[in-house]
């Protein structure tokens, strides 16, 4: 007895639907796990800023020395981001992400020892930075293995929310830990959190259906038959250069805020440690809201099949210009209320470029080369992590007064963000560069957009 053709069709359609549902669950399951990954990642970065006062008091550090300790986190950050990005061509991203989480968790724990001083602090921050440097580019590369090109903006934005969310969640919690048990236990808590994430990832992490198999980096990717594009063409394109500089400017602001915002709010604005922590939390929530709103608007446009009202570079660049004006106003006004409103609102617009730059670079890059190209961009923007805390600390120490030093540092930040915004408006054109590089868009084969 044969099965009627209609029944066979229904069986096949049902099987395809079931596979799409599983792919959809796997895609968003990986997104939430990687969001948690980024939450822990940025909680690690937040510790130093929140514990700045107790650390400086106990270890007898000047602001310049403390800035040096914070900058040591980025000593190998850029090199590790670039080096591990090349490993994505041979090693599965699930393995790389697990290894990074284990390493950065172990790097935190020595600070629990009472004998650990400035030298140990610097050494562990260097190791931590080497482990965390590749985190964002490898996580984005892994995530894009689950989603087709048109569906990537929202999950990428969710991933970037981990930066803001890590600060928002960790600021009040770690402030309580520091108050109750001392600053050393703040390092211990984030180290243990990383170990918990590693266990969850070991149990549930998996590669996406669009992930290029290891060893295919210089041939066709799994998103279609696409030959490799010379790296020189990718890295010298207007899109990559302006995306990297825009991310550099945003990371400058992010690193300065993580390191010095609590100190600024305390020393210049007169807030207590708890009040400063609350403002840092509110700022992080504002950053997260901006990123999610941008991602949801992009997804809505994608589902409607319409282009965004503004090209990615023009929209992201204009938002950075607005943010730069807000930073300049922040530096000039004396009102604490106005400063907080600017931090929570328009200054947060700078972060949109972090999502725009990642998706723009992915748009012009074959899947098999994506990890390397994203890693190269991380190499550039991570340099801001080295320079920003160090330059800000030295500027404050060298100024006639603490408020004067911070004023100069924020004016410098405003100028940097403004230049990045103007460059993005003029040169960040992923669709144009994708066409020039032969990256014609293929039909999406990733999970359905429910």
Protein backbone atom coordinates (compact mmCIF):
# COMPACT_ATOMS: atom_id res chain seq x y z
CA UNK A 1 0.00 0.00 0.00
CA UNK A 2 1.42 3.38 -1.01
CA UNK A 3 1.08 6.66 0.84
CA UNK A 4 -0.93 9.27 -1.11
CA UNK A 5 1.10 12.11 -2.50
CA UNK A 6 -0.80 14.66 -0.43
CA UNK A 7 -0.01 12.79 2.78
CA UNK A 8 3.68 12.63 1.88
CA UNK A 9 3.68 16.36 1.28
CA UNK A 10 2.05 17.01 4.62
CA UNK A 11 4.57 14.75 6.38
CA UNK A 12 7.47 16.56 4.73
CA UNK A 13 6.01 19.96 5.55
CA UNK A 14 5.47 18.90 9.15
CA UNK A 15 9.03 17.63 9.40
CA UNK A 16 10.40 20.85 7.95
CA UNK A 17 8.32 22.92 10.37
CA UNK A 18 9.54 20.85 13.31
CA UNK A 19 13.16 21.35 12.21
CA UNK A 20 12.58 25.10 11.88
CA UNK A 21 11.07 25.23 15.37
CA UNK A 22 14.07 23.39 16.81
CA UNK A 23 16.43 25.73 14.97
CA UNK A 24 14.50 28.73 16.28
CA UNK A 25 14.69 27.48 19.87
CA UNK A 26 18.39 26.69 19.49
CA UNK A 27 19.10 30.12 18.02
CA UNK A 28 17.44 32.04 20.82
CA UNK A 29 18.64 29.61 23.46
CA UNK A 30 22.20 30.34 22.33
CA UNK A 31 21.40 34.07 22.33
CA UNK A 32 20.29 34.03 25.97
CA UNK A 33 23.30 31.96 27.02
CA UNK A 34 25.62 34.37 25.27
CA UNK A 35 23.79 37.30 26.84
CA UNK A 36 24.64 35.75 30.23
CA UNK A 37 28.22 35.32 28.97
CA UNK A 38 28.45 39.05 28.26
CA UNK A 39 26.78 39.91 31.57
CA UNK A 40 29.57 38.11 33.44
CA UNK A 41 32.17 39.59 31.09
CA UNK A 42 31.18 43.15 31.92
CA UNK A 43 30.63 42.43 35.59
CA UNK A 44 34.35 41.54 35.56
CA UNK A 45 35.14 44.93 34.07
CA UNK A 46 32.89 46.77 36.54
CA UNK A 47 34.66 45.51 39.66
CA UNK A 48 37.62 47.88 39.41
CA UNK A 49 35.50 51.00 39.04
CA UNK A 50 33.14 50.11 41.88
CA UNK A 51 35.99 49.17 44.23
CA UNK A 52 38.28 52.02 43.15
CA UNK A 53 38.22 53.85 46.49
CA UNK A 54 38.81 50.82 48.77
CA UNK A 55 41.49 49.43 46.43
CA UNK A 56 43.38 52.73 46.28
CA UNK A 57 43.10 53.20 50.04
CA UNK A 58 44.27 49.70 50.99
CA UNK A 59 47.05 49.48 48.40
CA UNK A 60 48.07 53.15 48.64
CA UNK A 61 47.65 53.99 44.94
CA UNK A 62 47.38 57.34 43.18
CA UNK A 63 44.76 57.78 40.47
CA UNK A 64 47.51 57.46 37.87
CA UNK A 65 48.69 54.16 39.37
CA UNK A 66 45.12 52.91 39.60
CA UNK A 67 44.57 53.88 35.96
CA UNK A 68 47.71 51.89 35.10
CA UNK A 69 46.30 48.84 36.91
CA UNK A 70 43.01 49.19 35.04
CA UNK A 71 44.78 49.66 31.72
CA UNK A 72 46.84 46.50 32.37
CA UNK A 73 43.59 44.61 31.77
CA UNK A 74 43.97 45.60 28.12
CA UNK A 75 47.70 44.84 27.81
CA UNK A 76 47.02 41.58 25.94
CA UNK A 77 43.34 42.24 25.24
CA UNK A 78 43.81 43.39 21.65
CA UNK A 79 46.45 40.80 20.76
CA UNK A 80 44.33 38.01 22.22
CA UNK A 81 41.27 39.22 20.32
CA UNK A 82 43.20 39.10 17.06
CA UNK A 83 45.02 35.83 17.79
CA UNK A 84 41.98 33.86 18.92
CA UNK A 85 39.98 35.18 15.96
CA UNK A 86 42.34 33.22 13.71
CA UNK A 87 41.60 30.11 15.77
CA UNK A 88 37.94 30.37 14.73
CA UNK A 89 39.08 29.06 11.35
CA UNK A 90 40.18 25.75 12.94
CA UNK A 91 38.45 25.43 16.33
CA UNK A 92 34.72 25.46 17.01
CA UNK A 93 33.48 28.58 18.74
CA UNK A 94 31.74 26.51 21.43
CA UNK A 95 35.16 25.26 22.58
CA UNK A 96 36.75 28.71 22.44
CA UNK A 97 33.97 30.32 24.45
CA UNK A 98 34.17 27.63 27.13
CA UNK A 99 37.94 28.01 27.41
CA UNK A 100 37.72 31.78 27.75
CA UNK A 101 35.08 31.61 30.48
CA UNK A 102 37.12 29.12 32.51
CA UNK A 103 40.31 31.15 32.16
CA UNK A 104 38.81 34.50 33.10
CA UNK A 105 37.03 32.97 36.09
CA UNK A 106 40.23 31.45 37.45
CA UNK A 107 42.04 34.78 36.92
CA UNK A 108 39.75 36.54 39.42
CA UNK A 109 40.23 34.23 42.38
CA UNK A 110 43.82 35.12 43.49
CA UNK A 111 42.59 38.54 44.65
CA UNK A 112 40.73 36.80 47.48
CA UNK A 113 44.10 36.27 49.18
CA UNK A 114 44.92 38.94 51.73
CA UNK A 115 48.56 38.97 50.63
CA UNK A 116 47.63 39.83 47.03
CA UNK A 117 48.80 43.38 46.37
CA UNK A 118 49.40 45.74 43.46
CA UNK A 119 51.62 43.28 41.57
CA UNK A 120 49.05 40.49 41.82
CA UNK A 121 46.30 42.90 40.82
CA UNK A 122 48.17 43.90 37.67
CA UNK A 123 49.11 40.29 36.79
CA UNK A 124 45.58 38.98 37.21
CA UNK A 125 44.14 41.88 35.21
CA UNK A 126 46.54 41.12 32.36
CA UNK A 127 45.48 37.45 32.39
CA UNK A 128 41.82 38.41 32.65
CA UNK A 129 42.13 40.78 29.71
CA UNK A 130 43.82 38.11 27.58
CA UNK A 131 40.92 35.76 28.31
CA UNK A 132 38.20 38.35 27.74
CA UNK A 133 39.69 40.09 24.70
CA UNK A 134 38.25 37.63 22.16
CA UNK A 135 34.92 37.30 24.01
CA UNK A 136 32.79 39.75 22.03
CA UNK A 137 34.03 38.94 18.48
CA UNK A 138 33.89 35.17 19.04
CA UNK A 139 30.43 35.45 20.63
CA UNK A 140 29.14 37.54 17.71
CA UNK A 141 30.68 35.11 15.22
CA UNK A 142 29.01 32.19 17.02
CA UNK A 143 25.66 34.00 17.15
CA UNK A 144 25.72 34.83 13.45
CA UNK A 145 26.03 31.11 12.81
CA UNK A 146 22.43 30.83 14.01
CA UNK A 147 20.81 33.76 12.19
CA UNK A 148 20.58 34.82 8.56
CA UNK A 149 21.81 38.25 7.51
CA UNK A 150 18.44 40.02 7.77
CA UNK A 151 17.74 38.62 11.24
CA UNK A 152 21.06 39.48 12.93
CA UNK A 153 20.50 43.01 14.22
CA UNK A 154 18.19 42.13 17.11
CA UNK A 155 20.19 39.16 18.49
CA UNK A 156 23.40 41.19 18.09
CA UNK A 157 21.76 44.03 20.01
CA UNK A 158 20.68 41.57 22.71
CA UNK A 159 24.29 40.39 22.95
CA UNK A 160 25.54 43.96 23.23
CA UNK A 161 22.95 44.57 25.95
CA UNK A 162 25.14 42.24 28.02
CA UNK A 163 27.60 45.11 28.33
CA UNK A 164 24.99 47.43 29.81
CA UNK A 165 23.21 44.63 31.67
CA UNK A 166 26.43 43.43 33.24
CA UNK A 167 26.95 46.89 34.67
CA UNK A 168 23.30 47.32 35.69
CA UNK A 169 23.16 44.01 37.54
CA UNK A 170 26.64 44.01 38.99
CA UNK A 171 26.77 47.63 40.22
CA UNK A 172 24.22 47.25 43.05
CA UNK A 173 25.12 43.64 43.82
CA UNK A 174 28.87 44.19 43.94
CA UNK A 175 28.42 47.40 45.91
CA UNK A 176 26.61 45.35 48.54
CA UNK A 177 29.36 42.71 48.45
CA UNK A 178 32.06 45.37 48.87
CA UNK A 179 30.19 46.98 51.77
CA UNK A 180 29.52 43.64 53.50
CA UNK A 181 32.65 41.57 52.82
CA UNK A 182 35.23 43.93 51.34
CA UNK A 183 36.47 44.63 47.84
CA UNK A 184 38.35 41.35 47.48
CA UNK A 185 35.15 39.34 47.56
CA UNK A 186 33.82 41.34 44.62
CA UNK A 187 36.51 39.65 42.52
CA UNK A 188 35.61 36.27 44.01
CA UNK A 189 31.89 36.62 43.26
CA UNK A 190 32.36 37.41 39.56
CA UNK A 191 34.91 34.58 39.27
CA UNK A 192 32.40 32.09 40.67
CA UNK A 193 29.69 33.44 38.36
CA UNK A 194 31.93 32.73 35.38
CA UNK A 195 32.43 29.15 36.51
CA UNK A 196 28.66 28.66 36.78
CA UNK A 197 28.22 29.96 33.23
CA UNK A 198 30.94 27.61 31.95
CA UNK A 199 29.07 24.61 33.39
CA UNK A 200 25.83 25.72 31.69
CA UNK A 201 27.60 26.29 28.36
CA UNK A 202 29.29 22.88 28.52
CA UNK A 203 25.85 21.30 28.92
CA UNK A 204 23.87 23.36 26.39
CA UNK A 205 26.19 25.19 23.99
CA UNK A 206 26.13 24.10 20.34
CA UNK A 207 27.03 25.38 16.89
CA UNK A 208 24.39 26.97 14.65
CA UNK A 209 23.30 25.63 11.23
CA UNK A 210 24.95 28.59 9.44
CA UNK A 211 28.29 28.22 11.22
CA UNK A 212 31.14 27.57 8.77
CA UNK A 213 32.77 24.18 9.45
CA UNK A 214 36.34 24.44 10.84
CA UNK A 215 38.89 24.58 8.05
CA UNK A 216 36.62 26.35 5.53
CA UNK A 217 37.62 29.92 6.36
CA UNK A 218 39.15 30.59 2.99
CA UNK A 219 36.53 28.88 0.90
CA UNK A 220 32.79 28.93 0.55
CA UNK A 221 30.84 29.53 3.72
CA UNK A 222 27.70 27.74 4.79
CA UNK A 223 25.54 30.73 3.83
CA UNK A 224 26.07 30.16 0.17
CA UNK A 225 28.78 29.64 -2.41
CA UNK A 226 31.03 32.58 -1.68
CA UNK A 227 34.74 32.54 -2.41
CA UNK A 228 37.07 34.15 0.06
CA UNK A 229 37.57 37.89 -0.19
CA UNK A 230 41.16 39.13 0.27
CA UNK A 231 41.57 40.36 3.84
CA UNK A 232 43.21 43.52 2.57
CA UNK A 233 40.03 44.40 0.67
CA UNK A 234 37.89 43.81 3.75
CA UNK A 235 40.11 45.63 6.25
CA UNK A 236 40.70 48.65 4.01
CA UNK A 237 37.05 49.12 3.08
CA UNK A 238 35.34 52.28 4.22
CA UNK A 239 32.82 50.20 6.15
CA UNK A 240 35.41 48.27 8.18
CA UNK A 241 37.61 51.30 8.90
CA UNK A 242 34.78 53.54 10.06
CA UNK A 243 33.08 50.70 11.98
CA UNK A 244 36.34 50.02 13.82
CA UNK A 245 36.89 53.70 14.65
CA UNK A 246 33.28 54.15 15.73
CA UNK A 247 33.56 51.14 18.04
CA UNK A 248 36.88 52.57 19.31
CA UNK A 249 35.17 55.83 20.28
CA UNK A 250 32.26 54.02 21.94
CA UNK A 251 34.67 51.76 23.82
CA UNK A 252 36.68 54.79 24.95
CA UNK A 253 33.55 56.19 26.57
CA UNK A 254 32.55 52.78 27.97
CA UNK A 255 35.98 52.09 29.49
CA UNK A 256 36.27 55.57 30.98
CA UNK A 257 32.83 55.21 32.51
CA UNK A 258 33.50 51.78 33.98
CA UNK A 259 36.73 52.98 35.57
CA UNK A 260 36.10 56.57 36.54
CA UNK A 261 32.35 57.33 36.61
CA UNK A 262 31.91 56.27 40.27
CA UNK A 263 34.94 58.36 41.27
CA UNK A 264 33.69 61.33 39.22
CA UNK A 265 30.22 61.17 40.75
CA UNK A 266 31.73 61.00 44.23
CA UNK A 267 34.55 63.55 43.94
CA UNK A 268 32.96 66.09 41.58
CA UNK A 269 29.20 65.68 42.09
CA UNK A 270 29.38 64.87 45.80
CA UNK A 271 27.38 61.63 45.69
CA UNK A 272 27.93 58.82 48.16
CA UNK A 273 29.24 55.43 47.04
CA UNK A 274 25.73 53.96 47.08
CA UNK A 275 24.30 56.91 45.17
CA UNK A 276 27.09 56.64 42.60
CA UNK A 277 26.35 52.93 42.22
CA UNK A 278 22.67 53.72 41.66
CA UNK A 279 23.55 56.24 38.93
CA UNK A 280 25.88 53.74 37.25
CA UNK A 281 23.02 51.21 37.32
CA UNK A 282 20.55 53.71 35.85
CA UNK A 283 23.04 54.60 33.11
CA UNK A 284 23.46 50.93 32.24
CA UNK A 285 19.69 50.49 32.04
CA UNK A 286 19.55 53.48 29.68
CA UNK A 287 22.26 51.90 27.52
CA UNK A 288 20.34 48.62 27.39
CA UNK A 289 17.09 50.39 26.48
CA UNK A 290 18.78 52.22 23.61
CA UNK A 291 20.33 49.04 22.21
CA UNK A 292 17.12 47.00 22.45
CA UNK A 293 15.02 49.77 20.89
CA UNK A 294 17.42 50.01 17.97
CA UNK A 295 17.41 46.21 17.52
CA UNK A 296 13.62 45.96 17.65
CA UNK A 297 13.18 48.77 15.12
CA UNK A 298 15.64 47.08 12.75
CA UNK A 299 13.83 43.75 13.15
CA UNK A 300 10.47 45.37 12.49
CA UNK A 301 11.78 46.90 9.26
CA UNK A 302 13.25 43.53 8.23
CA UNK A 303 9.94 41.71 8.78
CA UNK A 304 8.08 44.32 6.75
CA UNK A 305 10.61 43.94 3.98
CA UNK A 306 11.32 47.65 4.02
CA UNK A 307 14.64 49.40 4.27
CA UNK A 308 15.37 51.43 7.41
CA UNK A 309 14.53 55.12 7.14
CA UNK A 310 18.22 55.93 7.29
CA UNK A 311 21.19 53.84 6.08
CA UNK A 312 23.03 52.13 8.93
CA UNK A 313 26.04 54.44 8.75
CA UNK A 314 24.00 57.62 8.48
CA UNK A 315 21.67 56.69 11.33
CA UNK A 316 24.42 55.43 13.63
CA UNK A 317 26.66 58.38 12.82
CA UNK A 318 23.96 60.96 13.53
CA UNK A 319 23.21 59.32 16.87
CA UNK A 320 26.90 59.56 17.76
CA UNK A 321 26.89 63.27 16.87
CA UNK A 322 23.94 63.80 19.23
CA UNK A 323 25.78 61.82 21.91
CA UNK A 324 28.94 63.91 21.48
CA UNK A 325 26.96 67.11 22.01
CA UNK A 326 25.46 65.58 25.15
CA UNK A 327 28.91 64.69 26.49
CA UNK A 328 30.09 68.26 25.92
CA UNK A 329 27.07 69.63 27.79
CA UNK A 330 27.71 67.08 30.57
CA UNK A 331 31.23 68.46 30.98
CA UNK A 332 30.01 72.06 31.23
CA UNK A 333 26.92 71.95 33.47
CA UNK A 334 27.06 71.90 37.25
CA UNK A 335 23.59 70.49 37.96
CA UNK A 336 23.82 66.87 39.17
CA UNK A 337 20.28 66.20 37.93
CA UNK A 338 21.13 67.33 34.41
CA UNK A 339 24.32 65.27 34.43
CA UNK A 340 22.42 62.13 35.44
CA UNK A 341 19.72 62.77 32.82
CA UNK A 342 22.39 63.10 30.12
CA UNK A 343 24.17 59.92 31.25
CA UNK A 344 20.96 57.88 31.24
CA UNK A 345 19.59 59.35 28.02
CA UNK A 346 21.37 60.96 25.05
CA UNK A 347 24.91 59.96 26.03
CA UNK A 348 23.77 56.33 25.77
CA UNK A 349 23.17 56.77 22.03
CA UNK A 350 26.91 56.25 21.53
CA UNK A 351 26.41 52.52 22.12
CA UNK A 352 24.27 52.00 19.02
CA UNK A 353 27.45 52.00 16.93
CA UNK A 354 28.54 48.80 18.70
CA UNK A 355 25.61 46.92 17.13
CA UNK A 356 25.80 48.78 13.82
CA UNK A 357 29.53 48.12 13.44
CA UNK A 358 29.23 44.37 14.15
CA UNK A 359 26.37 43.79 11.72
CA UNK A 360 27.89 46.06 9.05
CA UNK A 361 31.20 44.20 9.14
CA UNK A 362 29.39 40.84 9.05
CA UNK A 363 27.48 42.05 5.99
CA UNK A 364 30.61 42.57 3.91
CA UNK A 365 32.43 39.40 5.07
CA UNK A 366 32.06 35.74 3.98
CA UNK A 367 31.00 33.50 6.88
CA UNK A 368 34.28 31.61 7.00
CA UNK A 369 36.27 34.84 7.39
CA UNK A 370 33.87 36.56 9.77
CA UNK A 371 35.65 35.53 12.98
CA UNK A 372 38.98 36.95 11.81
CA UNK A 373 37.52 40.23 10.55
CA UNK A 374 35.47 40.78 13.71
CA UNK A 375 38.56 39.93 15.77
CA UNK A 376 40.59 42.50 13.86
CA UNK A 377 37.96 45.11 14.66
CA UNK A 378 38.09 44.08 18.34
CA UNK A 379 41.87 44.55 18.20
CA UNK A 380 41.32 48.18 17.21
CA UNK A 381 38.52 49.14 19.57
CA UNK A 382 40.12 47.36 22.51
CA UNK A 383 43.03 49.80 22.26
CA UNK A 384 40.59 52.33 23.70
CA UNK A 385 40.41 50.13 26.78
CA UNK A 386 44.15 50.61 27.26
CA UNK A 387 44.24 54.31 26.55
CA UNK A 388 41.02 55.62 28.05
CA UNK A 389 41.48 54.72 31.76
CA UNK A 390 45.17 55.61 31.61
CA UNK A 391 44.73 58.96 29.83
CA UNK A 392 41.80 59.97 32.02
CA UNK A 393 43.66 59.11 35.23
CA UNK A 394 46.77 60.99 34.15
CA UNK A 395 44.73 64.02 33.04
CA UNK A 396 43.01 64.21 36.44
CA UNK A 397 46.29 63.80 38.35
CA UNK A 398 48.02 66.46 36.25
CA UNK A 399 45.23 69.05 36.48
CA UNK A 400 45.06 71.85 39.04
CA UNK A 401 42.03 70.17 40.59
CA UNK A 402 40.03 66.95 40.21
CA UNK A 403 37.00 68.69 38.60
CA UNK A 404 39.27 70.47 36.09
CA UNK A 405 40.94 67.22 35.11
CA UNK A 406 37.66 65.42 34.60
CA UNK A 407 36.31 68.37 32.58
CA UNK A 408 39.22 68.08 30.15
CA UNK A 409 38.79 64.30 29.92
CA UNK A 410 35.11 64.61 29.00
CA UNK A 411 35.78 67.33 26.43
CA UNK A 412 38.33 65.00 24.81
CA UNK A 413 35.73 62.20 24.84
CA UNK A 414 33.13 64.45 23.19
CA UNK A 415 35.53 65.34 20.39
CA UNK A 416 36.44 61.71 19.75
CA UNK A 417 32.79 60.63 19.55
CA UNK A 418 31.97 63.55 17.24
CA UNK A 419 34.76 62.64 14.79
CA UNK A 420 33.62 59.00 14.79
CA UNK A 421 30.04 60.10 14.11
CA UNK A 422 30.98 62.28 11.15
CA UNK A 423 33.13 59.51 9.65
CA UNK A 424 30.29 56.99 10.03
CA UNK A 425 27.87 59.35 8.28
CA UNK A 426 30.26 59.73 5.35
CA UNK A 427 31.86 56.28 4.93
CA UNK A 428 29.96 53.49 6.75
CA UNK A 429 28.16 51.96 3.75
CA UNK A 430 27.93 48.15 4.16
CA UNK A 431 25.57 47.54 1.22
CA UNK A 432 27.78 49.50 -1.18
CA UNK A 433 30.96 47.79 0.03
CA UNK A 434 29.29 44.38 0.01
CA UNK A 435 28.38 44.84 -3.66
CA UNK A 436 31.90 46.01 -4.48
CA UNK A 437 33.40 42.96 -2.75
CA UNK A 438 31.01 40.54 -4.47
CA UNK A 439 28.99 39.78 -1.35
CA UNK A 440 25.56 39.58 -2.98
CA UNK A 441 22.88 38.80 -0.42
CA UNK A 442 21.58 35.22 -0.40
CA UNK A 443 18.22 33.96 0.74
CA UNK A 444 18.11 33.45 4.47
CA UNK A 445 18.50 29.85 5.57
CA UNK A 446 18.55 30.41 9.30
CA UNK A 447 15.78 29.97 11.83
CA UNK A 448 12.44 31.57 11.07
CA UNK A 449 11.67 34.97 12.48
CA UNK A 450 8.68 34.26 14.66
